Amino acid sequence: MQYIGLDKQIRKNNFNSILLLIAFPALLLALVYALLYFTQGEHGEDPNTMFLQTVPVVLGITGVWFLIAWAGHSAFIRMATGSKPLDRIENKRVYNLVENLCISQGMKLPKIYIIEDDSLNAFASGINENSYSVSLSRGIINKLDDDELEGVIAHELSHIKNRDVRLLIISIIFVGIFSFLAELAFRSLRFAGGGKKNKDSKGSGAIILIAIVITAIAYFISILLRFGISRKREYLADAGAADMTKKPYALANALRKISGDPLIEAVQSRDVAQLFIDNPKPSTHKPASWDNMFSTHPPIDKRIELLEQFV
């Protein structure tokens, strides 16, 4: 693989991530317009006029959705992973590594949590300096040496420094909106199908079918966009950790060990899984398979290969 350089990789990943994030609201507005065009337009209304009238309502509802999800995401993540505050007195090694890295980067010390699981994994979360945190599994603390653990912590601090977690949360919320709309359209079809059959009901059923197709397509695209964001940010965090520690080989070694046992039993949510340094759920994805399109993480062998270029 051709060496592309650390700075170039960071610029490239930042640019691609911004493009992917812009695509979410564009996709949402396109979904609204398509629904109006294929439904309201059939009754003589001008879809363009309807779209302009509907945009403020859609943006308002989306804003409320964002505020609720934004305010409650930290508690949800802690419940979903079973993470608890890490005791400083009994874990001075971890706190020393985190503090030294934060001092070198001029960062405020994030909260540190532990997941009581012997597998190897870690993730960062939070939306501002008061809520930023790094969570480490018991296994990753016990099974990595200092350089390797420092590389993992630097990876997570890079996510915080680059505002990756905030970016991922936005993408997760958008996917939730599309998922809700697709589920709503599907339930509407079931409700319409259970009533008395007449011309109006047939027309309504056709409109709902159109709505299902449009929302399903939008949901599918939103999932691909979210996974694209997650994969891009993992490469960027790897590069950031290599630059922060000046020991890319240490993170590469850590990733090799993590890939052998990343499973965190408490994690069931696919949304939470994408926050980890490696997918904490069972996976049968192969690098060249169709399923890899839906992977929240790039192939770990490729990440190691890129890290080994930074010598």
C-alpha atoms as a PDB file:
ATOM      1  CA  MET A   1       0.000   0.000   0.000  1.00  0.00           C
ATOM      2  CA  GLN A   2       1.336   3.430  -0.946  1.00  0.00           C
ATOM      3  CA  TYR A   3       2.392   5.638   1.942  1.00  0.00           C
ATOM      4  CA  ILE A   4       0.123   8.695   2.095  1.00  0.00           C
ATOM      5  CA  GLY A   5       1.529  10.513   5.135  1.00  0.00           C
ATOM      6  CA  LEU A   6      -0.046  11.343   8.479  1.00  0.00           C
ATOM      7  CA  ASP A   7      -1.083  14.948   7.747  1.00  0.00           C
ATOM      8  CA  LYS A   8      -2.569  14.038   4.380  1.00  0.00           C
ATOM      9  CA  GLN A   9      -4.558  11.187   5.917  1.00  0.00           C
ATOM     10  CA  ILE A  10      -5.981  13.497   8.601  1.00  0.00           C
ATOM     11  CA  ARG A  11      -6.995  16.129   6.022  1.00  0.00           C
ATOM     12  CA  LYS A  12      -8.526  13.508   3.746  1.00  0.00           C
ATOM     13  CA  ASN A  13     -10.546  11.862   6.513  1.00  0.00           C
ATOM     14  CA  ASN A  14     -11.770  15.208   7.870  1.00  0.00           C
ATOM     15  CA  PHE A  15     -12.919  16.308   4.409  1.00  0.00           C
ATOM     16  CA  ASN A  16     -14.708  13.028   3.689  1.00  0.00           C
ATOM     17  CA  SER A  17     -16.374  13.015   7.105  1.00  0.00           C
ATOM     18  CA  ILE A  18     -17.718  16.548   6.588  1.00  0.00           C
ATOM     19  CA  LEU A  19     -19.176  15.521   3.232  1.00  0.00           C
ATOM     20  CA  LEU A  20     -20.837  12.494   4.797  1.00  0.00           C
ATOM     21  CA  LEU A  21     -22.330  14.566   7.608  1.00  0.00           C
ATOM     22  CA  ILE A  22     -23.750  17.158   5.178  1.00  0.00           C
ATOM     23  CA  ALA A  23     -25.395  14.297   3.310  1.00  0.00           C
ATOM     24  CA  PHE A  24     -27.667  13.441   6.282  1.00  0.00           C
ATOM     25  CA  PRO A  25     -29.819  16.620   6.359  1.00  0.00           C
ATOM     26  CA  ALA A  26     -29.773  16.673   2.549  1.00  0.00           C
ATOM     27  CA  LEU A  27     -31.113  13.117   2.538  1.00  0.00           C
ATOM     28  CA  LEU A  28     -33.800  14.011   5.083  1.00  0.00           C
ATOM     29  CA  LEU A  29     -35.037  16.954   3.003  1.00  0.00           C
ATOM     30  CA  ALA A  30     -34.914  14.822  -0.152  1.00  0.00           C
ATOM     31  CA  LEU A  31     -37.046  12.221   1.625  1.00  0.00           C
ATOM     32  CA  VAL A  32     -39.633  14.845   2.582  1.00  0.00           C
ATOM     33  CA  TYR A  33     -39.779  16.214  -0.968  1.00  0.00           C
ATOM     34  CA  ALA A  34     -40.102  12.751  -2.500  1.00  0.00           C
ATOM     35  CA  LEU A  35     -42.962  11.859  -0.148  1.00  0.00           C
ATOM     36  CA  LEU A  36     -44.798  15.092  -0.997  1.00  0.00           C
ATOM     37  CA  TYR A  37     -44.185  14.679  -4.724  1.00  0.00           C
ATOM     38  CA  PHE A  38     -45.570  11.143  -4.910  1.00  0.00           C
ATOM     39  CA  THR A  39     -48.448  11.635  -2.460  1.00  0.00           C
ATOM     40  CA  GLN A  40     -49.733  15.230  -2.248  1.00  0.00           C
ATOM     41  CA  GLY A  41     -48.998  15.794  -5.910  1.00  0.00           C
ATOM     42  CA  GLU A  42     -51.589  13.172  -6.859  1.00  0.00           C
ATOM     43  CA  HIS A  43     -54.394  15.377  -5.491  1.00  0.00           C
ATOM     44  CA  GLY A  44     -53.414  18.482  -7.441  1.00  0.00           C
ATOM     45  CA  GLU A  45     -51.311  20.260  -4.826  1.00  0.00           C
ATOM     46  CA  ASP A  46     -48.035  21.810  -5.884  1.00  0.00           C
ATOM     47  CA  PRO A  47     -45.286  19.667  -4.263  1.00  0.00           C
ATOM     48  CA  ASN A  48     -42.850  22.591  -4.323  1.00  0.00           C
ATOM     49  CA  THR A  49     -45.235  24.806  -2.348  1.00  0.00           C
ATOM     50  CA  MET A  50     -46.021  21.970   0.044  1.00  0.00           C
ATOM     51  CA  PHE A  51     -42.305  21.333   0.522  1.00  0.00           C
ATOM     52  CA  LEU A  52     -41.568  24.955   1.430  1.00  0.00           C
ATOM     53  CA  GLN A  53     -44.468  24.931   3.909  1.00  0.00           C
ATOM     54  CA  THR A  54     -43.369  21.612   5.425  1.00  0.00           C
ATOM     55  CA  VAL A  55     -39.635  22.322   5.836  1.00  0.00           C
ATOM     56  CA  PRO A  56     -40.011  24.463   9.026  1.00  0.00           C
ATOM     57  CA  VAL A  57     -42.187  21.780  10.643  1.00  0.00           C
ATOM     58  CA  VAL A  58     -39.759  19.011   9.713  1.00  0.00           C
ATOM     59  CA  LEU A  59     -36.762  20.979  10.970  1.00  0.00           C
ATOM     60  CA  GLY A  60     -38.606  21.852  14.198  1.00  0.00           C
ATOM     61  CA  ILE A  61     -39.517  18.232  14.950  1.00  0.00           C
ATOM     62  CA  THR A  62     -35.982  17.141  14.085  1.00  0.00           C
ATOM     63  CA  GLY A  63     -34.590  19.792  16.430  1.00  0.00           C
ATOM     64  CA  VAL A  64     -36.692  18.544  19.340  1.00  0.00           C
ATOM     65  CA  TRP A  65     -35.642  14.971  18.561  1.00  0.00           C
ATOM     66  CA  PHE A  66     -32.003  16.083  18.606  1.00  0.00           C
ATOM     67  CA  LEU A  67     -32.306  17.885  21.928  1.00  0.00           C
ATOM     68  CA  ILE A  68     -33.840  14.865  23.657  1.00  0.00           C
ATOM     69  CA  ALA A  69     -31.312  12.395  22.213  1.00  0.00           C
ATOM     70  CA  TRP A  70     -28.413  14.804  22.805  1.00  0.00           C
ATOM     71  CA  ALA A  71     -29.272  15.328  26.468  1.00  0.00           C
ATOM     72  CA  GLY A  72     -29.766  11.652  27.298  1.00  0.00           C
ATOM     73  CA  HIS A  73     -27.135   9.890  25.233  1.00  0.00           C
ATOM     74  CA  SER A  74     -24.439   9.677  27.957  1.00  0.00           C
ATOM     75  CA  ALA A  75     -26.716   7.882  30.415  1.00  0.00           C
ATOM     76  CA  PHE A  76     -27.906   5.546  27.670  1.00  0.00           C
ATOM     77  CA  ILE A  77     -24.336   4.632  26.709  1.00  0.00           C
ATOM     78  CA  ARG A  78     -23.355   3.905  30.312  1.00  0.00           C
ATOM     79  CA  MET A  79     -26.394   1.668  30.774  1.00  0.00           C
ATOM     80  CA  ALA A  80     -25.789  -0.072  27.455  1.00  0.00           C
ATOM     81  CA  THR A  81     -22.144  -0.888  28.285  1.00  0.00           C
ATOM     82  CA  GLY A  82     -22.336  -1.341  32.058  1.00  0.00           C
ATOM     83  CA  SER A  83     -19.438   1.084  32.525  1.00  0.00           C
ATOM     84  CA  LYS A  84     -18.656   2.454  35.999  1.00  0.00           C
ATOM     85  CA  PRO A  85     -16.173   5.053  37.316  1.00  0.00           C
ATOM     86  CA  LEU A  86     -12.627   3.712  37.555  1.00  0.00           C
ATOM     87  CA  ASP A  87     -11.155   4.009  41.061  1.00  0.00           C
ATOM     88  CA  ARG A  88      -8.078   6.225  40.958  1.00  0.00           C
ATOM     89  CA  ILE A  89      -6.305   4.781  44.003  1.00  0.00           C
ATOM     90  CA  GLU A  90      -6.394   1.223  42.646  1.00  0.00           C
ATOM     91  CA  ASN A  91      -5.644   2.203  39.044  1.00  0.00           C
ATOM     92  CA  LYS A  92      -2.887   4.835  39.228  1.00  0.00           C
ATOM     93  CA  ARG A  93      -1.234   3.335  36.126  1.00  0.00           C
ATOM     94  CA  VAL A  94      -4.244   4.155  33.949  1.00  0.00           C
ATOM     95  CA  TYR A  95      -4.715   7.642  35.372  1.00  0.00           C
ATOM     96  CA  ASN A  96      -1.017   8.447  34.932  1.00  0.00           C
ATOM     97  CA  LEU A  97      -1.132   7.436  31.257  1.00  0.00           C
ATOM     98  CA  VAL A  98      -4.274   9.485  30.620  1.00  0.00           C
ATOM     99  CA  GLU A  99      -2.986  12.533  32.492  1.00  0.00           C
ATOM    100  CA  ASN A 100       0.389  12.539  30.721  1.00  0.00           C
ATOM    101  CA  LEU A 101      -1.284  12.401  27.316  1.00  0.00           C
ATOM    102  CA  CYS A 102      -3.796  15.107  28.223  1.00  0.00           C
ATOM    103  CA  ILE A 103      -1.028  17.411  29.488  1.00  0.00           C
ATOM    104  CA  SER A 104       0.945  16.906  26.269  1.00  0.00           C
ATOM    105  CA  GLN A 105      -2.128  17.877  24.214  1.00  0.00           C
ATOM    106  CA  GLY A 106      -3.411  20.653  26.466  1.00  0.00           C
ATOM    107  CA  MET A 107      -6.630  18.711  27.067  1.00  0.00           C
ATOM    108  CA  LYS A 108      -8.842  18.586  30.136  1.00  0.00           C
ATOM    109  CA  LEU A 109      -8.779  15.190  31.844  1.00  0.00           C
ATOM    110  CA  PRO A 110     -11.877  13.229  30.785  1.00  0.00           C
ATOM    111  CA  LYS A 111     -13.816  10.970  33.146  1.00  0.00           C
ATOM    112  CA  ILE A 112     -12.451   7.429  33.162  1.00  0.00           C
ATOM    113  CA  TYR A 113     -14.775   4.425  33.331  1.00  0.00           C
ATOM    114  CA  ILE A 114     -14.242   0.686  33.443  1.00  0.00           C
ATOM    115  CA  ILE A 115     -16.242  -2.164  31.913  1.00  0.00           C
ATOM    116  CA  GLU A 116     -15.933  -5.321  33.988  1.00  0.00           C
ATOM    117  CA  ASP A 117     -15.191  -7.673  31.109  1.00  0.00           C
ATOM    118  CA  ASP A 118     -12.041  -9.715  30.443  1.00  0.00           C
ATOM    119  CA  SER A 119     -12.199  -8.993  26.700  1.00  0.00           C
ATOM    120  CA  LEU A 120     -10.143  -6.180  25.182  1.00  0.00           C
ATOM    121  CA  ASN A 121     -11.930  -3.031  24.073  1.00  0.00           C
ATOM    122  CA  ALA A 122     -12.343   0.690  24.759  1.00  0.00           C
ATOM    123  CA  PHE A 123     -14.367   3.695  23.635  1.00  0.00           C
ATOM    124  CA  ALA A 124     -14.738   7.440  24.118  1.00  0.00           C
ATOM    125  CA  SER A 125     -18.020   9.286  24.651  1.00  0.00           C
ATOM    126  CA  GLY A 126     -19.418  12.706  25.558  1.00  0.00           C
ATOM    127  CA  ILE A 127     -20.374  15.942  23.810  1.00  0.00           C
ATOM    128  CA  ASN A 128     -18.375  18.573  25.740  1.00  0.00           C
ATOM    129  CA  GLU A 129     -15.587  18.937  28.298  1.00  0.00           C
ATOM    130  CA  ASN A 130     -17.978  18.238  31.175  1.00  0.00           C
ATOM    131  CA  SER A 131     -19.159  14.933  29.741  1.00  0.00           C
ATOM    132  CA  TYR A 132     -16.155  13.587  27.812  1.00  0.00           C
ATOM    133  CA  SER A 133     -15.075  10.173  29.067  1.00  0.00           C
ATOM    134  CA  VAL A 134     -12.857   7.230  28.169  1.00  0.00           C
ATOM    135  CA  SER A 135     -14.064   3.721  29.029  1.00  0.00           C
ATOM    136  CA  LEU A 136     -11.696   0.763  29.188  1.00  0.00           C
ATOM    137  CA  SER A 137     -12.462  -2.901  29.690  1.00  0.00           C
ATOM    138  CA  ARG A 138     -10.832  -4.775  32.551  1.00  0.00           C
ATOM    139  CA  GLY A 139      -9.196  -7.047  30.006  1.00  0.00           C
ATOM    140  CA  ILE A 140      -7.542  -4.267  28.034  1.00  0.00           C
ATOM    141  CA  ILE A 141      -6.066  -2.789  31.229  1.00  0.00           C
ATOM    142  CA  ASN A 142      -4.681  -6.110  32.413  1.00  0.00           C
ATOM    143  CA  LYS A 143      -3.478  -7.582  29.104  1.00  0.00           C
ATOM    144  CA  LEU A 144      -1.713  -4.644  27.411  1.00  0.00           C
ATOM    145  CA  ASP A 145       1.683  -3.286  28.374  1.00  0.00           C
ATOM    146  CA  ASP A 146       2.132   0.428  29.084  1.00  0.00           C
ATOM    147  CA  ASP A 147       3.033   1.440  25.517  1.00  0.00           C
ATOM    148  CA  GLU A 148       0.117  -0.511  24.036  1.00  0.00           C
ATOM    149  CA  LEU A 149      -2.380   0.821  26.568  1.00  0.00           C
ATOM    150  CA  GLU A 150      -1.050   4.334  26.001  1.00  0.00           C
ATOM    151  CA  GLY A 151      -1.701   3.872  22.263  1.00  0.00           C
ATOM    152  CA  VAL A 152      -5.295   2.798  22.916  1.00  0.00           C
ATOM    153  CA  ILE A 153      -5.907   5.721  25.277  1.00  0.00           C
ATOM    154  CA  ALA A 154      -4.365   8.102  22.736  1.00  0.00           C
ATOM    155  CA  HIS A 155      -6.741   6.700  20.104  1.00  0.00           C
ATOM    156  CA  GLU A 156      -9.725   7.489  22.327  1.00  0.00           C
ATOM    157  CA  LEU A 157      -8.391  10.940  23.248  1.00  0.00           C
ATOM    158  CA  SER A 158      -8.013  11.611  19.513  1.00  0.00           C
ATOM    159  CA  HIS A 159     -11.722  10.880  19.114  1.00  0.00           C
ATOM    160  CA  ILE A 160     -12.399  13.494  21.792  1.00  0.00           C
ATOM    161  CA  LYS A 161      -9.897  16.012  20.427  1.00  0.00           C
ATOM    162  CA  ASN A 162     -11.290  15.684  16.888  1.00  0.00           C
ATOM    163  CA  ARG A 163     -14.932  15.809  18.110  1.00  0.00           C
ATOM    164  CA  ASP A 164     -15.499  12.378  16.596  1.00  0.00           C
ATOM    165  CA  VAL A 165     -17.951  11.281  19.284  1.00  0.00           C
ATOM    166  CA  ARG A 166     -20.118  14.325  18.668  1.00  0.00           C
ATOM    167  CA  LEU A 167     -20.054  13.578  14.944  1.00  0.00           C
ATOM    168  CA  LEU A 168     -21.066   9.967  15.487  1.00  0.00           C
ATOM    169  CA  ILE A 169     -23.879  10.943  17.835  1.00  0.00           C
ATOM    170  CA  ILE A 170     -25.332  13.223  15.168  1.00  0.00           C
ATOM    171  CA  SER A 171     -25.190  10.414  12.616  1.00  0.00           C
ATOM    172  CA  ILE A 172     -26.814   7.977  15.063  1.00  0.00           C
ATOM    173  CA  ILE A 173     -29.665  10.403  15.714  1.00  0.00           C
ATOM    174  CA  PHE A 174     -30.279  10.898  11.997  1.00  0.00           C
ATOM    175  CA  VAL A 175     -30.375   7.160  11.382  1.00  0.00           C
ATOM    176  CA  GLY A 176     -32.867   6.900  14.249  1.00  0.00           C
ATOM    177  CA  ILE A 177     -35.102   9.429  12.493  1.00  0.00           C
ATOM    178  CA  PHE A 178     -35.058   7.478   9.232  1.00  0.00           C
ATOM    179  CA  SER A 179     -35.652   4.233  11.114  1.00  0.00           C
ATOM    180  CA  PHE A 180     -38.660   5.772  12.874  1.00  0.00           C
ATOM    181  CA  LEU A 181     -40.133   7.041   9.593  1.00  0.00           C
ATOM    182  CA  ALA A 182     -39.650   3.674   7.898  1.00  0.00           C
ATOM    183  CA  GLU A 183     -41.298   1.864  10.825  1.00  0.00           C
ATOM    184  CA  LEU A 184     -44.156   4.383  10.851  1.00  0.00           C
ATOM    185  CA  ALA A 185     -44.807   3.853   7.135  1.00  0.00           C
ATOM    186  CA  PHE A 186     -44.761   0.068   7.558  1.00  0.00           C
ATOM    187  CA  ARG A 187     -47.182   0.164  10.496  1.00  0.00           C
ATOM    188  CA  SER A 188     -49.474   2.490   8.525  1.00  0.00           C
ATOM    189  CA  LEU A 189     -49.694  -0.112   5.753  1.00  0.00           C
ATOM    190  CA  ARG A 190     -50.654  -2.820   8.240  1.00  0.00           C
ATOM    191  CA  PHE A 191     -53.302  -0.530   9.746  1.00  0.00           C
ATOM    192  CA  ALA A 192     -54.699   0.395   6.323  1.00  0.00           C
ATOM    193  CA  GLY A 193     -54.769  -3.239   5.242  1.00  0.00           C
ATOM    194  CA  GLY A 194     -56.935  -4.226   8.201  1.00  0.00           C
ATOM    195  CA  GLY A 195     -59.836  -1.926   7.354  1.00  0.00           C
ATOM    196  CA  LYS A 196     -62.767  -2.122   4.942  1.00  0.00           C
ATOM    197  CA  LYS A 197     -61.767  -2.362   1.275  1.00  0.00           C
ATOM    198  CA  ASN A 198     -62.907   0.452  -1.047  1.00  0.00           C
ATOM    199  CA  LYS A 199     -61.487   2.756  -3.683  1.00  0.00           C
ATOM    200  CA  ASP A 200     -60.231   5.237  -1.130  1.00  0.00           C
ATOM    201  CA  SER A 201     -58.512   2.539   0.906  1.00  0.00           C
ATOM    202  CA  LYS A 202     -56.846   1.177  -2.222  1.00  0.00           C
ATOM    203  CA  GLY A 203     -55.591   4.650  -3.031  1.00  0.00           C
ATOM    204  CA  SER A 204     -54.357   5.132   0.505  1.00  0.00           C
ATOM    205  CA  GLY A 205     -52.643   1.762   0.379  1.00  0.00           C
ATOM    206  CA  ALA A 206     -50.811   2.741  -2.802  1.00  0.00           C
ATOM    207  CA  ILE A 207     -49.657   6.006  -1.208  1.00  0.00           C
ATOM    208  CA  ILE A 208     -48.421   4.157   1.864  1.00  0.00           C
ATOM    209  CA  LEU A 209     -46.570   1.656  -0.324  1.00  0.00           C
ATOM    210  CA  ILE A 210     -44.822   4.547  -2.045  1.00  0.00           C
ATOM    211  CA  ALA A 211     -43.982   6.013   1.354  1.00  0.00           C
ATOM    212  CA  ILE A 212     -42.544   2.677   2.512  1.00  0.00           C
ATOM    213  CA  VAL A 213     -40.324   2.380  -0.556  1.00  0.00           C
ATOM    214  CA  ILE A 214     -39.037   5.952  -0.236  1.00  0.00           C
ATOM    215  CA  THR A 215     -38.381   5.744   3.523  1.00  0.00           C
ATOM    216  CA  ALA A 216     -36.757   2.318   3.172  1.00  0.00           C
ATOM    217  CA  ILE A 217     -34.373   3.654   0.526  1.00  0.00           C
ATOM    218  CA  ALA A 218     -33.576   6.697   2.672  1.00  0.00           C
ATOM    219  CA  TYR A 219     -33.007   4.482   5.724  1.00  0.00           C
ATOM    220  CA  PHE A 220     -30.693   2.210   3.755  1.00  0.00           C
ATOM    221  CA  ILE A 221     -28.669   5.168   2.474  1.00  0.00           C
ATOM    222  CA  SER A 222     -28.495   6.707   5.967  1.00  0.00           C
ATOM    223  CA  ILE A 223     -27.056   3.465   7.365  1.00  0.00           C
ATOM    224  CA  LEU A 224     -24.358   3.452   4.690  1.00  0.00           C
ATOM    225  CA  LEU A 225     -23.551   7.097   5.459  1.00  0.00           C
ATOM    226  CA  ARG A 226     -23.324   6.402   9.195  1.00  0.00           C
ATOM    227  CA  PHE A 227     -21.004   3.451   8.672  1.00  0.00           C
ATOM    228  CA  GLY A 228     -18.907   5.565   6.308  1.00  0.00           C
ATOM    229  CA  ILE A 229     -18.501   8.212   9.015  1.00  0.00           C
ATOM    230  CA  SER A 230     -17.555   5.618  11.624  1.00  0.00           C
ATOM    231  CA  ARG A 231     -14.917   3.974   9.435  1.00  0.00           C
ATOM    232  CA  LYS A 232     -13.350   7.293   8.392  1.00  0.00           C
ATOM    233  CA  ARG A 233     -13.075   8.469  11.982  1.00  0.00           C
ATOM    234  CA  GLU A 234     -11.367   5.235  13.092  1.00  0.00           C
ATOM    235  CA  TYR A 235      -8.591   5.803  10.563  1.00  0.00           C
ATOM    236  CA  LEU A 236      -8.274   9.394  11.729  1.00  0.00           C
ATOM    237  CA  ALA A 237      -8.084   8.402  15.414  1.00  0.00           C
ATOM    238  CA  ASP A 238      -5.408   5.808  14.620  1.00  0.00           C
ATOM    239  CA  ALA A 239      -3.372   8.486  12.850  1.00  0.00           C
ATOM    240  CA  GLY A 240      -3.934  10.915  15.724  1.00  0.00           C
ATOM    241  CA  ALA A 241      -2.759   8.354  18.272  1.00  0.00           C
ATOM    242  CA  ALA A 242       0.376   7.668  16.240  1.00  0.00           C
ATOM    243  CA  ASP A 243       1.137  11.383  16.160  1.00  0.00           C
ATOM    244  CA  MET A 244       0.342  11.845  19.862  1.00  0.00           C
ATOM    245  CA  THR A 245       2.519   9.015  21.231  1.00  0.00           C
ATOM    246  CA  LYS A 246       5.137   8.809  18.464  1.00  0.00           C
ATOM    247  CA  LYS A 247       4.758   5.031  18.869  1.00  0.00           C
ATOM    248  CA  PRO A 248       2.524   3.790  16.023  1.00  0.00           C
ATOM    249  CA  TYR A 249       3.911   0.282  16.467  1.00  0.00           C
ATOM    250  CA  ALA A 250       2.481   0.179  20.015  1.00  0.00           C
ATOM    251  CA  LEU A 251      -1.090   0.845  18.822  1.00  0.00           C
ATOM    252  CA  ALA A 252      -0.585  -1.646  15.992  1.00  0.00           C
ATOM    253  CA  ASN A 253       0.425  -4.305  18.535  1.00  0.00           C
ATOM    254  CA  ALA A 254      -2.544  -3.381  20.720  1.00  0.00           C
ATOM    255  CA  LEU A 255      -4.930  -3.734  17.769  1.00  0.00           C
ATOM    256  CA  ARG A 256      -3.562  -7.219  17.078  1.00  0.00           C
ATOM    257  CA  LYS A 257      -4.327  -8.267  20.642  1.00  0.00           C
ATOM    258  CA  ILE A 258      -7.733  -6.560  20.629  1.00  0.00           C
ATOM    259  CA  SER A 259      -8.752  -8.272  17.380  1.00  0.00           C
ATOM    260  CA  GLY A 260      -8.289 -11.629  19.077  1.00  0.00           C
ATOM    261  CA  ASP A 261     -10.882 -10.936  21.784  1.00  0.00           C
ATOM    262  CA  PRO A 262     -12.967  -7.749  21.343  1.00  0.00           C
ATOM    263  CA  LEU A 263     -16.330  -9.207  22.451  1.00  0.00           C
ATOM    264  CA  ILE A 264     -18.030  -7.231  25.237  1.00  0.00           C
ATOM    265  CA  GLU A 265     -21.008  -9.269  26.377  1.00  0.00           C
ATOM    266  CA  ALA A 266     -22.962  -6.320  27.783  1.00  0.00           C
ATOM    267  CA  VAL A 267     -23.058  -4.516  24.431  1.00  0.00           C
ATOM    268  CA  GLN A 268     -26.188  -5.330  22.434  1.00  0.00           C
ATOM    269  CA  SER A 269     -26.856  -2.024  20.684  1.00  0.00           C
ATOM    270  CA  ARG A 270     -25.414  -1.637  17.188  1.00  0.00           C
ATOM    271  CA  ASP A 271     -25.326   2.129  17.703  1.00  0.00           C
ATOM    272  CA  VAL A 272     -23.178   1.849  20.824  1.00  0.00           C
ATOM    273  CA  ALA A 273     -20.951  -0.781  19.194  1.00  0.00           C
ATOM    274  CA  GLN A 274     -19.622   1.700  16.638  1.00  0.00           C
ATOM    275  CA  LEU A 275     -18.100   3.845  19.410  1.00  0.00           C
ATOM    276  CA  PHE A 276     -15.572   1.144  20.391  1.00  0.00           C
ATOM    277  CA  ILE A 277     -12.013   0.874  19.072  1.00  0.00           C
ATOM    278  CA  ASP A 278     -13.058  -2.451  17.498  1.00  0.00           C
ATOM    279  CA  ASN A 279     -16.492  -3.964  17.031  1.00  0.00           C
ATOM    280  CA  PRO A 280     -17.393  -5.445  20.452  1.00  0.00           C
ATOM    281  CA  LYS A 281     -20.102  -7.702  18.997  1.00  0.00           C
ATOM    282  CA  PRO A 282     -19.706 -11.054  17.193  1.00  0.00           C
ATOM    283  CA  SER A 283     -18.935 -10.513  13.515  1.00  0.00           C
ATOM    284  CA  THR A 284     -18.523 -12.782  10.505  1.00  0.00           C
ATOM    285  CA  HIS A 285     -17.589  -9.979   8.105  1.00  0.00           C
ATOM    286  CA  LYS A 286     -14.792 -10.642   5.639  1.00  0.00           C
ATOM    287  CA  PRO A 287     -12.829  -7.729   4.141  1.00  0.00           C
ATOM    288  CA  ALA A 288     -14.085  -8.357   0.590  1.00  0.00           C
ATOM    289  CA  SER A 289     -17.645  -9.387   1.452  1.00  0.00           C
ATOM    290  CA  TRP A 290     -20.926  -7.592   0.794  1.00  0.00           C
ATOM    291  CA  ASP A 291     -21.553  -7.544   4.546  1.00  0.00           C
ATOM    292  CA  ASN A 292     -18.434  -5.431   5.069  1.00  0.00           C
ATOM    293  CA  MET A 293     -20.364  -2.520   3.543  1.00  0.00           C
ATOM    294  CA  PHE A 294     -22.383  -2.491   6.764  1.00  0.00           C
ATOM    295  CA  SER A 295     -19.388  -2.751   9.111  1.00  0.00           C
ATOM    296  CA  THR A 296     -18.923   0.121  11.564  1.00  0.00           C
ATOM    297  CA  HIS A 297     -15.155  -0.445  11.597  1.00  0.00           C
ATOM    298  CA  PRO A 298     -12.595  -0.789   8.800  1.00  0.00           C
ATOM    299  CA  PRO A 299     -10.710  -4.096   8.591  1.00  0.00           C
ATOM    300  CA  ILE A 300      -8.282  -4.168  11.494  1.00  0.00           C
ATOM    301  CA  ASP A 301      -5.509  -5.626   9.296  1.00  0.00           C
ATOM    302  CA  LYS A 302      -5.729  -2.533   7.101  1.00  0.00           C
ATOM    303  CA  ARG A 303      -5.548  -0.258  10.154  1.00  0.00           C
ATOM    304  CA  ILE A 304      -2.442  -2.076  11.357  1.00  0.00           C
ATOM    305  CA  GLU A 305      -0.882  -1.837   7.900  1.00  0.00           C
ATOM    306  CA  LEU A 306      -1.403   1.926   7.826  1.00  0.00           C
ATOM    307  CA  LEU A 307       0.018   2.357  11.320  1.00  0.00           C
ATOM    308  CA  GLU A 308       3.134   0.430  10.387  1.00  0.00           C
ATOM    309  CA  GLN A 309       3.830   3.022   7.673  1.00  0.00           C
ATOM    310  CA  PHE A 310       4.300   5.750  10.322  1.00  0.00           C
ATOM    311  CA  VAL A 311       7.891   4.981  11.273  1.00  0.00           C
END
